[in-house]
């Protein structure tokens, strides 16, 4: 069986269709978002990150996303500046405003945003409400999954096992 341009184009279209949106990532991983108040100490935020096994927290007050605080913020804005994590407030070192996406953003778009802004966590807002966090790991995993599926379909097409 010959691999035609049409077959390759169809496979490419399937790959694009399989590349998830943020909504599909949140459906798989869930929408739990760990947050911290801007008045909390950095020590409390770092302790919460350790407890939850995450590298960043959304900074929220009155149900509004104010920013993000990450381990990187702690390292660069507290430790390296000789500040005390027990005395420094989250609001003083958080990254704000947060760079956000919607559930309709494509994985590829999100990867570009993360790369351009040198961040690892994207808060997801729907109608102004925080509904999840997409991490670089979530996005790369979705892309790898889509590529694996495409390779599988192409292999089946080439070997004649393709149902079509």
N, C-alpha and C. Protein backbone atom coordinates (compact mmCIF):
# COMPACT_ATOMS: atom_id res chain seq x y z
N UNK A 1 0.85 -1.17 0.00
CA UNK A 1 0.00 0.00 0.00
C UNK A 1 0.89 1.24 0.00
N UNK A 2 0.63 2.15 -0.90
CA UNK A 2 1.44 3.35 -1.06
C UNK A 2 0.93 4.47 -0.16
N UNK A 3 1.86 5.15 0.48
CA UNK A 3 1.51 6.29 1.33
C UNK A 3 1.40 7.52 0.44
N UNK A 4 0.20 8.02 0.26
CA UNK A 4 -0.04 9.14 -0.63
C UNK A 4 -0.02 10.47 0.13
N UNK A 5 0.05 11.54 -0.64
CA UNK A 5 -0.02 12.88 -0.04
C UNK A 5 -1.33 13.06 0.70
N UNK A 6 -2.41 12.52 0.13
CA UNK A 6 -3.72 12.65 0.76
C UNK A 6 -3.75 11.96 2.12
N UNK A 7 -3.11 10.78 2.17
CA UNK A 7 -3.07 10.04 3.44
C UNK A 7 -2.26 10.80 4.48
N UNK A 8 -1.15 11.38 4.05
CA UNK A 8 -0.34 12.16 4.97
C UNK A 8 -1.09 13.41 5.44
N UNK A 9 -1.80 14.05 4.52
CA UNK A 9 -2.58 15.23 4.89
C UNK A 9 -3.67 14.85 5.88
N UNK A 10 -4.33 13.72 5.64
CA UNK A 10 -5.38 13.26 6.55
C UNK A 10 -4.79 12.96 7.94
N UNK A 11 -3.60 12.34 7.95
CA UNK A 11 -2.95 12.04 9.23
C UNK A 11 -2.59 13.33 9.97
N UNK A 12 -2.12 14.31 9.22
CA UNK A 12 -1.79 15.60 9.83
C UNK A 12 -3.03 16.26 10.42
N UNK A 13 -4.14 16.17 9.71
CA UNK A 13 -5.38 16.74 10.22
C UNK A 13 -5.83 16.02 11.49
N UNK A 14 -5.65 14.70 11.52
CA UNK A 14 -6.00 13.95 12.73
C UNK A 14 -5.13 14.37 13.90
N UNK A 15 -3.83 14.61 13.62
CA UNK A 15 -2.93 15.06 14.68
C UNK A 15 -3.41 16.40 15.25
N UNK A 16 -3.74 17.33 14.35
CA UNK A 16 -4.22 18.62 14.81
C UNK A 16 -5.51 18.48 15.60
N UNK A 17 -6.38 17.58 15.17
CA UNK A 17 -7.64 17.38 15.87
C UNK A 17 -7.41 16.74 17.24
N UNK A 18 -6.36 15.90 17.32
CA UNK A 18 -6.10 15.20 18.58
C UNK A 18 -5.37 16.07 19.59
N UNK A 19 -4.70 17.12 19.10
CA UNK A 19 -4.00 18.00 20.04
C UNK A 19 -5.08 18.67 20.88
N UNK A 20 -5.02 18.38 22.13
CA UNK A 20 -6.08 18.76 23.06
C UNK A 20 -6.18 20.26 23.29
N UNK A 21 -7.31 20.60 23.83
CA UNK A 21 -7.49 21.94 24.38
C UNK A 21 -7.24 21.84 25.88
N UNK A 22 -7.14 22.97 26.51
CA UNK A 22 -6.96 23.01 27.95
C UNK A 22 -8.15 22.34 28.64
N UNK A 23 -9.34 22.49 28.08
CA UNK A 23 -10.52 21.88 28.68
C UNK A 23 -10.35 20.35 28.79
N UNK A 24 -9.84 19.72 27.74
CA UNK A 24 -9.68 18.26 27.80
C UNK A 24 -8.61 17.86 28.81
N UNK A 25 -7.59 18.68 28.97
CA UNK A 25 -6.57 18.41 29.98
C UNK A 25 -7.19 18.48 31.37
N UNK A 26 -7.99 19.52 31.62
CA UNK A 26 -8.63 19.66 32.93
C UNK A 26 -9.63 18.54 33.20
N UNK A 27 -10.28 18.04 32.15
CA UNK A 27 -11.21 16.92 32.33
C UNK A 27 -10.46 15.67 32.78
N UNK A 28 -9.24 15.49 32.29
CA UNK A 28 -8.43 14.33 32.68
C UNK A 28 -7.82 14.49 34.06
N UNK A 29 -7.25 15.66 34.33
CA UNK A 29 -6.50 15.83 35.58
C UNK A 29 -7.35 16.35 36.73
N UNK A 30 -8.46 16.95 36.42
CA UNK A 30 -9.30 17.53 37.45
C UNK A 30 -9.10 19.03 37.54
N UNK A 31 -9.95 19.65 38.31
CA UNK A 31 -9.93 21.11 38.39
C UNK A 31 -9.58 21.64 39.77
N UNK A 32 -8.98 20.80 40.59
CA UNK A 32 -8.56 21.27 41.92
C UNK A 32 -7.43 22.28 41.74
N UNK A 33 -7.58 23.42 42.37
CA UNK A 33 -6.56 24.46 42.33
C UNK A 33 -6.19 24.80 43.76
N UNK A 34 -4.92 24.68 44.07
CA UNK A 34 -4.44 25.03 45.41
C UNK A 34 -4.13 26.51 45.40
N UNK A 35 -4.65 27.21 46.42
CA UNK A 35 -4.51 28.66 46.47
C UNK A 35 -3.90 29.11 47.79
N UNK A 36 -3.53 30.38 47.81
CA UNK A 36 -3.01 31.01 49.01
C UNK A 36 -3.49 32.46 48.99
N UNK A 37 -3.68 33.01 50.15
CA UNK A 37 -4.09 34.42 50.27
C UNK A 37 -2.87 35.32 50.14
N UNK A 38 -3.04 36.52 49.62
CA UNK A 38 -1.90 37.42 49.47
C UNK A 38 -1.29 37.84 50.80
N UNK A 39 -2.06 37.77 51.90
CA UNK A 39 -1.56 38.16 53.21
C UNK A 39 -0.76 37.05 53.89
N UNK A 40 -0.84 35.84 53.37
CA UNK A 40 -0.10 34.72 53.97
C UNK A 40 1.39 34.98 53.87
N UNK A 41 2.13 34.34 54.77
CA UNK A 41 3.59 34.46 54.68
C UNK A 41 4.09 33.53 53.58
N UNK A 42 5.25 33.86 53.08
CA UNK A 42 5.88 33.02 52.07
C UNK A 42 6.15 31.63 52.65
N UNK A 43 6.50 31.58 53.93
CA UNK A 43 6.73 30.30 54.59
C UNK A 43 5.47 29.43 54.52
N UNK A 44 4.31 30.03 54.81
CA UNK A 44 3.04 29.29 54.73
C UNK A 44 2.78 28.79 53.31
N UNK A 45 3.09 29.63 52.32
CA UNK A 45 2.89 29.24 50.92
C UNK A 45 3.80 28.07 50.54
N UNK A 46 5.06 28.15 50.93
CA UNK A 46 6.01 27.08 50.60
C UNK A 46 5.61 25.79 51.30
N UNK A 47 5.17 25.89 52.56
CA UNK A 47 4.71 24.71 53.29
C UNK A 47 3.50 24.07 52.59
N UNK A 48 2.60 24.90 52.09
CA UNK A 48 1.41 24.38 51.37
C UNK A 48 1.82 23.70 50.07
N UNK A 49 2.77 24.30 49.35
CA UNK A 49 3.27 23.68 48.12
C UNK A 49 3.85 22.30 48.43
N UNK A 50 4.64 22.22 49.48
CA UNK A 50 5.25 20.94 49.86
C UNK A 50 4.17 19.93 50.25
N UNK A 51 3.20 20.37 51.02
CA UNK A 51 2.11 19.49 51.46
C UNK A 51 1.31 18.95 50.27
N UNK A 52 1.07 19.78 49.28
CA UNK A 52 0.24 19.39 48.13
C UNK A 52 1.06 18.82 46.98
N UNK A 53 2.38 18.90 47.08
CA UNK A 53 3.24 18.36 46.03
C UNK A 53 3.16 19.15 44.73
N UNK A 54 3.07 20.47 44.85
CA UNK A 54 2.99 21.33 43.67
C UNK A 54 4.11 22.36 43.71
N UNK A 55 4.39 22.96 42.57
CA UNK A 55 5.47 23.94 42.48
C UNK A 55 5.00 25.37 42.46
N UNK A 56 3.68 25.58 42.50
CA UNK A 56 3.14 26.94 42.48
C UNK A 56 1.73 26.94 43.06
N UNK A 57 1.32 28.11 43.53
CA UNK A 57 -0.03 28.30 44.05
C UNK A 57 -0.62 29.54 43.40
N UNK A 58 -1.93 29.50 43.18
CA UNK A 58 -2.63 30.69 42.72
C UNK A 58 -2.86 31.58 43.93
N UNK A 59 -2.61 32.87 43.77
CA UNK A 59 -2.85 33.83 44.84
C UNK A 59 -4.23 34.43 44.59
N UNK A 60 -5.14 34.16 45.55
CA UNK A 60 -6.54 34.51 45.36
C UNK A 60 -7.07 35.28 46.57
N UNK A 61 -7.86 36.33 46.27
CA UNK A 61 -8.57 37.08 47.32
C UNK A 61 -9.95 37.41 46.77
N UNK A 62 -10.97 37.20 47.57
CA UNK A 62 -12.35 37.47 47.16
C UNK A 62 -12.68 36.79 45.83
N UNK A 63 -12.23 35.56 45.69
CA UNK A 63 -12.47 34.74 44.50
C UNK A 63 -11.87 35.32 43.22
N UNK A 64 -10.93 36.24 43.36
CA UNK A 64 -10.25 36.84 42.21
C UNK A 64 -8.79 36.41 42.19
N UNK A 65 -8.32 36.00 41.03
CA UNK A 65 -6.92 35.64 40.86
C UNK A 65 -6.09 36.91 40.82
N UNK A 66 -5.15 37.03 41.75
CA UNK A 66 -4.29 38.21 41.82
C UNK A 66 -2.92 37.96 41.21
N UNK A 67 -2.48 36.71 41.25
CA UNK A 67 -1.16 36.37 40.74
C UNK A 67 -0.84 34.92 41.04
N UNK A 68 0.43 34.59 40.88
CA UNK A 68 0.92 33.24 41.16
C UNK A 68 2.18 33.37 42.01
N UNK A 69 2.38 32.39 42.88
CA UNK A 69 3.64 32.31 43.64
C UNK A 69 4.20 30.92 43.38
N UNK A 70 5.49 30.89 43.04
CA UNK A 70 6.13 29.62 42.71
C UNK A 70 7.40 29.44 43.53
N UNK A 71 7.92 28.24 43.46
CA UNK A 71 9.20 27.97 44.12
C UNK A 71 10.28 28.88 43.56
N UNK A 72 10.18 29.20 42.28
CA UNK A 72 11.14 30.10 41.65
C UNK A 72 11.06 31.50 42.27
N UNK A 73 9.84 31.98 42.51
CA UNK A 73 9.67 33.29 43.16
C UNK A 73 10.36 33.28 44.52
N UNK A 74 10.16 32.19 45.26
CA UNK A 74 10.76 32.06 46.58
C UNK A 74 12.29 32.10 46.49
N UNK A 75 12.84 31.32 45.58
CA UNK A 75 14.29 31.26 45.45
C UNK A 75 14.89 32.60 45.06
N UNK A 76 14.27 33.25 44.10
CA UNK A 76 14.84 34.49 43.56
C UNK A 76 14.51 35.73 44.38
N UNK A 77 13.35 35.76 45.00
CA UNK A 77 12.89 36.99 45.65
C UNK A 77 12.97 36.96 47.17
N UNK A 78 13.26 35.79 47.73
CA UNK A 78 13.40 35.69 49.18
C UNK A 78 14.80 35.20 49.53
N UNK A 79 15.12 33.99 49.16
CA UNK A 79 16.41 33.39 49.53
C UNK A 79 17.59 34.22 49.02
N UNK A 80 17.59 34.50 47.72
CA UNK A 80 18.74 35.21 47.15
C UNK A 80 18.85 36.66 47.61
N UNK A 81 17.76 37.20 48.14
CA UNK A 81 17.80 38.59 48.63
C UNK A 81 17.94 38.66 50.15
N UNK A 82 18.12 37.49 50.78
CA UNK A 82 18.34 37.46 52.22
C UNK A 82 17.13 37.83 53.06
N UNK A 83 15.94 37.67 52.50
CA UNK A 83 14.73 37.98 53.25
C UNK A 83 14.30 36.77 54.08
N UNK A 84 13.40 37.02 55.01
CA UNK A 84 12.86 35.94 55.84
C UNK A 84 11.53 35.47 55.27
N UNK A 85 11.41 34.17 55.04
CA UNK A 85 10.15 33.64 54.51
C UNK A 85 9.03 33.70 55.55
N UNK A 86 9.39 33.79 56.82
CA UNK A 86 8.37 33.87 57.88
C UNK A 86 7.84 35.29 58.06
N UNK A 87 8.55 36.26 57.50
CA UNK A 87 8.12 37.66 57.63
C UNK A 87 7.63 38.25 56.30
N UNK A 88 8.07 37.72 55.19
CA UNK A 88 7.69 38.24 53.88
C UNK A 88 6.31 37.74 53.50
N UNK A 89 5.49 38.61 52.97
CA UNK A 89 4.13 38.26 52.55
C UNK A 89 4.12 37.82 51.09
N UNK A 90 3.20 36.94 50.79
CA UNK A 90 3.04 36.44 49.43
C UNK A 90 2.85 37.59 48.45
N UNK A 91 2.04 38.57 48.81
CA UNK A 91 1.74 39.70 47.91
C UNK A 91 3.02 40.45 47.50
N UNK A 92 4.07 40.37 48.34
CA UNK A 92 5.30 41.09 48.07
C UNK A 92 6.20 40.41 47.05
N UNK A 93 5.99 39.12 46.80
CA UNK A 93 6.87 38.42 45.86
C UNK A 93 6.13 37.69 44.74
N UNK A 94 4.80 37.68 44.78
CA UNK A 94 4.05 36.95 43.76
C UNK A 94 4.28 37.55 42.38
N UNK A 95 4.13 36.73 41.37
CA UNK A 95 4.19 37.19 39.99
C UNK A 95 2.79 37.67 39.62
N UNK A 96 2.70 38.95 39.28
CA UNK A 96 1.39 39.53 38.99
C UNK A 96 1.54 40.60 37.91
N UNK A 97 0.53 40.74 37.08
CA UNK A 97 -0.67 39.89 37.03
C UNK A 97 -0.31 38.54 36.43
N UNK A 98 -1.12 37.56 36.75
CA UNK A 98 -0.89 36.21 36.23
C UNK A 98 -1.21 36.16 34.74
N UNK A 99 -0.42 35.42 34.01
CA UNK A 99 -0.69 35.16 32.59
C UNK A 99 -1.66 34.00 32.56
N UNK A 100 -2.80 34.18 31.93
CA UNK A 100 -3.87 33.18 31.98
C UNK A 100 -4.28 32.72 30.59
N UNK A 101 -5.00 31.60 30.58
CA UNK A 101 -5.60 31.07 29.36
C UNK A 101 -7.04 30.69 29.67
N UNK A 102 -7.77 30.32 28.63
CA UNK A 102 -9.14 29.84 28.79
C UNK A 102 -9.17 28.34 28.49
N UNK A 103 -10.25 27.66 28.81
CA UNK A 103 -10.35 26.24 28.49
C UNK A 103 -10.29 25.95 26.98
N UNK A 104 -10.58 26.95 26.16
CA UNK A 104 -10.58 26.73 24.71
C UNK A 104 -9.20 26.87 24.07
N UNK A 105 -8.23 27.34 24.81
CA UNK A 105 -6.88 27.46 24.25
C UNK A 105 -6.36 26.07 23.86
N UNK A 106 -5.69 26.02 22.73
CA UNK A 106 -5.06 24.78 22.27
C UNK A 106 -3.75 24.56 23.03
N UNK A 107 -3.38 23.30 23.16
CA UNK A 107 -2.14 22.94 23.85
C UNK A 107 -0.96 23.65 23.22
N UNK A 108 -0.91 23.66 21.91
CA UNK A 108 0.22 24.29 21.21
C UNK A 108 0.32 25.78 21.56
N UNK A 109 -0.81 26.47 21.61
CA UNK A 109 -0.82 27.89 22.00
C UNK A 109 -0.26 28.07 23.40
N UNK A 110 -0.69 27.20 24.31
CA UNK A 110 -0.24 27.29 25.70
C UNK A 110 1.26 27.05 25.82
N UNK A 111 1.78 26.11 25.04
CA UNK A 111 3.22 25.86 25.06
C UNK A 111 3.99 27.09 24.58
N UNK A 112 3.45 27.77 23.59
CA UNK A 112 4.09 29.01 23.12
C UNK A 112 4.07 30.08 24.22
N UNK A 113 2.94 30.22 24.90
CA UNK A 113 2.81 31.20 25.98
C UNK A 113 3.81 30.91 27.09
N UNK A 114 3.89 29.65 27.48
CA UNK A 114 4.81 29.24 28.54
C UNK A 114 6.26 29.51 28.14
N UNK A 115 6.59 29.17 26.91
CA UNK A 115 7.96 29.37 26.42
C UNK A 115 8.31 30.85 26.35
N UNK A 116 7.43 31.65 25.77
CA UNK A 116 7.69 33.09 25.60
C UNK A 116 7.82 33.80 26.95
N UNK A 117 7.04 33.37 27.93
CA UNK A 117 7.03 34.05 29.22
C UNK A 117 7.89 33.39 30.29
N UNK A 118 8.51 32.27 29.93
CA UNK A 118 9.38 31.54 30.85
C UNK A 118 8.70 31.22 32.17
N UNK A 119 7.50 30.64 32.04
CA UNK A 119 6.73 30.22 33.20
C UNK A 119 6.42 28.74 33.09
N UNK A 120 5.90 28.15 34.15
CA UNK A 120 5.62 26.72 34.16
C UNK A 120 4.17 26.39 34.50
N UNK A 121 3.41 27.41 34.90
CA UNK A 121 2.02 27.19 35.32
C UNK A 121 1.13 28.25 34.69
N UNK A 122 0.02 27.80 34.11
CA UNK A 122 -0.95 28.71 33.50
C UNK A 122 -2.30 28.59 34.19
N UNK A 123 -2.72 29.60 34.91
CA UNK A 123 -4.07 29.57 35.47
C UNK A 123 -5.08 29.59 34.33
N UNK A 124 -6.16 28.84 34.51
CA UNK A 124 -7.21 28.75 33.49
C UNK A 124 -8.44 29.48 34.03
N UNK A 125 -8.87 30.51 33.30
CA UNK A 125 -10.04 31.29 33.68
C UNK A 125 -11.18 31.05 32.70
N UNK A 126 -12.36 30.85 33.26
CA UNK A 126 -13.56 30.74 32.44
C UNK A 126 -14.58 31.73 32.99
N UNK A 127 -14.92 32.70 32.15
CA UNK A 127 -15.83 33.78 32.56
C UNK A 127 -15.32 34.47 33.83
N UNK A 128 -14.00 34.69 33.88
CA UNK A 128 -13.39 35.38 35.00
C UNK A 128 -13.17 34.54 36.25
N UNK A 129 -13.58 33.28 36.21
CA UNK A 129 -13.48 32.40 37.37
C UNK A 129 -12.33 31.41 37.17
N UNK A 130 -11.52 31.23 38.20
CA UNK A 130 -10.39 30.29 38.15
C UNK A 130 -10.92 28.87 38.17
N UNK A 131 -10.66 28.11 37.09
CA UNK A 131 -11.21 26.75 36.99
C UNK A 131 -10.14 25.67 36.92
N UNK A 132 -8.87 26.06 36.93
CA UNK A 132 -7.82 25.05 36.89
C UNK A 132 -6.47 25.67 36.63
N UNK A 133 -5.46 24.81 36.63
CA UNK A 133 -4.09 25.20 36.32
C UNK A 133 -3.57 24.20 35.29
N UNK A 134 -3.01 24.71 34.20
CA UNK A 134 -2.35 23.85 33.21
C UNK A 134 -0.85 24.02 33.41
N UNK A 135 -0.17 22.92 33.67
CA UNK A 135 1.28 22.98 33.89
C UNK A 135 2.01 22.60 32.61
N UNK A 136 3.28 22.92 32.57
CA UNK A 136 4.08 22.55 31.42
C UNK A 136 4.07 21.02 31.24
N UNK A 137 4.05 20.29 32.34
CA UNK A 137 3.99 18.83 32.26
C UNK A 137 2.69 18.34 31.64
N UNK A 138 1.58 18.97 32.00
CA UNK A 138 0.28 18.61 31.41
C UNK A 138 0.30 18.83 29.91
N UNK A 139 0.85 19.96 29.49
CA UNK A 139 0.84 20.34 28.08
C UNK A 139 1.75 19.45 27.24
N UNK A 140 2.95 19.20 27.74
CA UNK A 140 3.87 18.32 27.02
C UNK A 140 3.30 16.91 26.95
N UNK A 141 2.71 16.44 28.04
CA UNK A 141 2.09 15.11 28.04
C UNK A 141 0.99 14.99 27.00
N UNK A 142 0.15 16.02 26.87
CA UNK A 142 -0.93 16.00 25.88
C UNK A 142 -0.36 15.97 24.47
N UNK A 143 0.68 16.74 24.22
CA UNK A 143 1.29 16.77 22.89
C UNK A 143 1.93 15.42 22.55
N UNK A 144 2.62 14.83 23.49
CA UNK A 144 3.25 13.52 23.27
C UNK A 144 2.18 12.47 23.00
N UNK A 145 1.10 12.52 23.73
CA UNK A 145 0.00 11.57 23.52
C UNK A 145 -0.58 11.69 22.11
N UNK A 146 -0.77 12.93 21.65
CA UNK A 146 -1.31 13.15 20.31
C UNK A 146 -0.33 12.64 19.26
N UNK A 147 0.95 12.88 19.46
CA UNK A 147 1.95 12.41 18.49
C UNK A 147 2.03 10.89 18.48
N UNK A 148 1.94 10.27 19.63
CA UNK A 148 1.95 8.81 19.72
C UNK A 148 0.76 8.21 18.97
N UNK A 149 -0.41 8.81 19.14
CA UNK A 149 -1.60 8.35 18.43
C UNK A 149 -1.43 8.47 16.93
N UNK A 150 -0.87 9.58 16.48
CA UNK A 150 -0.66 9.77 15.04
C UNK A 150 0.32 8.75 14.49
N UNK A 151 1.39 8.50 15.20
CA UNK A 151 2.36 7.49 14.76
C UNK A 151 1.69 6.13 14.66
N UNK A 152 0.86 5.81 15.63
CA UNK A 152 0.14 4.53 15.63
C UNK A 152 -0.76 4.44 14.39
N UNK A 153 -1.51 5.50 14.09
CA UNK A 153 -2.40 5.50 12.92
C UNK A 153 -1.62 5.40 11.63
N UNK A 154 -0.52 6.13 11.52
CA UNK A 154 0.31 6.05 10.31
C UNK A 154 0.90 4.66 10.13
N UNK A 155 1.37 4.08 11.23
CA UNK A 155 1.94 2.73 11.16
C UNK A 155 0.88 1.73 10.67
N UNK A 156 -0.33 1.85 11.21
CA UNK A 156 -1.42 0.98 10.78
C UNK A 156 -1.77 1.20 9.31
N UNK A 157 -1.74 2.45 8.86
CA UNK A 157 -2.04 2.75 7.46
C UNK A 157 -0.99 2.14 6.55
N UNK A 158 0.28 2.32 6.90
CA UNK A 158 1.38 1.83 6.07
C UNK A 158 1.37 0.31 5.99
N UNK A 159 1.07 -0.35 7.09
CA UNK A 159 1.09 -1.81 7.11
C UNK A 159 -0.22 -2.43 6.65
N UNK A 160 -1.18 -1.59 6.26
CA UNK A 160 -2.44 -2.12 5.74
C UNK A 160 -3.46 -2.48 6.79
N UNK A 161 -3.22 -2.13 8.03
CA UNK A 161 -4.15 -2.44 9.11
C UNK A 161 -5.15 -1.30 9.34
N UNK A 162 -5.00 -0.23 8.56
CA UNK A 162 -5.82 0.97 8.75
C UNK A 162 -7.24 0.70 8.27
N UNK A 163 -8.24 0.98 9.08
CA UNK A 163 -9.64 0.73 8.68
C UNK A 163 -10.18 1.84 7.79
N UNK A 164 -9.79 1.89 6.57
CA UNK A 164 -10.32 2.96 5.74
C UNK A 164 -9.90 2.82 4.39
